[in-house]
């Protein structure tokens, strides 16, 4: 396999895309909804 700088850049781009998609799946999964809803209300709570 001929490995040059463009191959490395392609690999890094694909890994970044996979990480981004993984983050989206995690953020929008239904099992995290309750925690995010609670965290979203924190700025509006008064002591």
N, C-alpha and C. Protein backbone atom coordinates (compact mmCIF):
# COMPACT_ATOMS: atom_id res chain seq x y z
N UNK A 1 0.85 -1.18 0.00
CA UNK A 1 0.00 0.00 0.00
C UNK A 1 0.89 1.23 0.00
N UNK A 2 0.59 2.17 -0.85
CA UNK A 2 1.36 3.41 -0.96
C UNK A 2 0.77 4.43 0.01
N UNK A 3 1.49 4.69 1.11
CA UNK A 3 1.00 5.60 2.13
C UNK A 3 1.69 6.95 1.98
N UNK A 4 0.93 7.97 1.65
CA UNK A 4 1.46 9.31 1.58
C UNK A 4 0.60 10.24 2.43
N UNK A 5 0.87 11.51 2.39
CA UNK A 5 0.18 12.47 3.24
C UNK A 5 -1.32 12.53 2.95
N UNK A 6 -1.71 12.34 1.70
CA UNK A 6 -3.13 12.39 1.36
C UNK A 6 -3.89 11.18 1.91
N UNK A 7 -3.23 10.03 1.97
CA UNK A 7 -3.86 8.86 2.59
C UNK A 7 -4.09 9.12 4.07
N UNK A 8 -3.10 9.70 4.73
CA UNK A 8 -3.25 10.04 6.15
C UNK A 8 -4.36 11.04 6.38
N UNK A 9 -4.44 12.04 5.51
CA UNK A 9 -5.51 13.02 5.64
C UNK A 9 -6.88 12.38 5.44
N UNK A 10 -6.97 11.47 4.52
CA UNK A 10 -8.24 10.78 4.28
C UNK A 10 -8.66 9.95 5.49
N UNK A 11 -7.70 9.27 6.08
CA UNK A 11 -7.99 8.44 7.27
C UNK A 11 -8.46 9.33 8.42
N UNK A 12 -7.79 10.44 8.64
CA UNK A 12 -8.18 11.35 9.71
C UNK A 12 -9.57 11.94 9.46
N UNK A 13 -9.88 12.25 8.21
CA UNK A 13 -11.20 12.78 7.87
C UNK A 13 -12.29 11.76 8.13
N UNK A 14 -12.07 10.52 7.74
CA UNK A 14 -13.06 9.46 7.96
C UNK A 14 -13.24 9.21 9.45
N UNK A 15 -12.15 9.19 10.21
CA UNK A 15 -12.26 8.98 11.66
C UNK A 15 -13.01 10.14 12.32
N UNK A 16 -12.78 11.36 11.86
CA UNK A 16 -13.51 12.50 12.39
C UNK A 16 -15.00 12.42 12.10
N UNK A 17 -15.34 11.99 10.89
CA UNK A 17 -16.74 11.83 10.53
C UNK A 17 -17.41 10.75 11.38
N UNK A 18 -16.72 9.65 11.59
CA UNK A 18 -17.27 8.57 12.42
C UNK A 18 -17.47 9.05 13.85
N UNK A 19 -16.51 9.81 14.39
CA UNK A 19 -16.65 10.35 15.74
C UNK A 19 -17.82 11.33 15.83
N UNK A 20 -17.99 12.16 14.81
CA UNK A 20 -19.10 13.11 14.79
C UNK A 20 -20.44 12.39 14.75
N UNK A 21 -20.56 11.39 13.93
CA UNK A 21 -21.82 10.62 13.85
C UNK A 21 -22.08 9.90 15.17
N UNK A 22 -21.03 9.37 15.79
CA UNK A 22 -21.19 8.73 17.09
C UNK A 22 -21.67 9.71 18.15
N UNK A 23 -21.15 10.92 18.12
CA UNK A 23 -21.59 11.95 19.06
C UNK A 23 -23.05 12.32 18.83
N UNK A 24 -23.45 12.43 17.59
CA UNK A 24 -24.85 12.72 17.29
C UNK A 24 -25.78 11.61 17.78
N UNK A 25 -25.40 10.37 17.55
CA UNK A 25 -26.21 9.24 18.01
C UNK A 25 -26.33 9.26 19.53
N UNK A 26 -25.21 9.54 20.20
CA UNK A 26 -25.24 9.58 21.66
C UNK A 26 -26.11 10.73 22.16
N UNK A 27 -25.99 11.89 21.55
CA UNK A 27 -26.72 13.07 22.02
C UNK A 27 -28.22 12.94 21.80
N UNK A 28 -28.63 12.28 20.75
CA UNK A 28 -30.05 12.18 20.43
C UNK A 28 -30.67 10.84 20.84
N UNK A 29 -29.93 10.01 21.57
CA UNK A 29 -30.52 8.75 22.01
C UNK A 29 -31.54 9.01 23.11
N UNK A 30 -32.56 8.21 23.14
CA UNK A 30 -33.66 8.45 24.08
C UNK A 30 -33.26 8.16 25.52
N UNK A 31 -32.25 7.34 25.76
CA UNK A 31 -31.87 7.04 27.14
C UNK A 31 -31.17 8.21 27.81
N UNK A 32 -30.67 9.18 27.04
CA UNK A 32 -30.03 10.37 27.61
C UNK A 32 -30.99 11.55 27.73
N UNK A 33 -32.20 11.42 27.26
CA UNK A 33 -33.14 12.54 27.21
C UNK A 33 -33.45 13.08 28.60
N UNK A 34 -33.64 12.23 29.58
CA UNK A 34 -34.00 12.70 30.92
C UNK A 34 -32.87 13.51 31.53
N UNK A 35 -31.66 13.06 31.39
CA UNK A 35 -30.52 13.81 31.94
C UNK A 35 -30.32 15.14 31.26
N UNK A 36 -30.50 15.20 29.95
CA UNK A 36 -30.36 16.45 29.23
C UNK A 36 -31.50 17.41 29.57
N UNK A 37 -32.68 16.88 29.78
CA UNK A 37 -33.83 17.72 30.15
C UNK A 37 -33.58 18.36 31.52
N UNK A 38 -33.07 17.58 32.45
CA UNK A 38 -32.76 18.09 33.78
C UNK A 38 -31.63 19.14 33.72
N UNK A 39 -30.61 18.87 32.93
CA UNK A 39 -29.50 19.81 32.81
C UNK A 39 -29.95 21.10 32.12
N UNK A 40 -30.90 21.01 31.23
CA UNK A 40 -31.40 22.20 30.55
C UNK A 40 -32.19 23.12 31.46
N UNK A 41 -32.74 22.57 32.52
CA UNK A 41 -33.52 23.37 33.47
C UNK A 41 -32.67 24.00 34.57
N UNK A 42 -31.42 23.58 34.71
CA UNK A 42 -30.58 24.07 35.79
C UNK A 42 -30.39 25.59 35.80
N UNK A 43 -30.21 26.26 34.67
CA UNK A 43 -30.02 27.72 34.73
C UNK A 43 -31.24 28.48 35.26
N UNK A 44 -32.41 27.87 35.22
CA UNK A 44 -33.63 28.55 35.60
C UNK A 44 -34.04 28.26 37.04
N UNK A 45 -33.33 27.37 37.73
CA UNK A 45 -33.64 27.05 39.12
C UNK A 45 -33.13 28.14 40.03
N UNK A 46 -33.90 28.43 41.08
CA UNK A 46 -33.50 29.41 42.07
C UNK A 46 -33.22 28.71 43.37
N UNK A 47 -32.27 29.24 44.11
CA UNK A 47 -31.92 28.61 45.40
C UNK A 47 -32.91 28.94 46.47
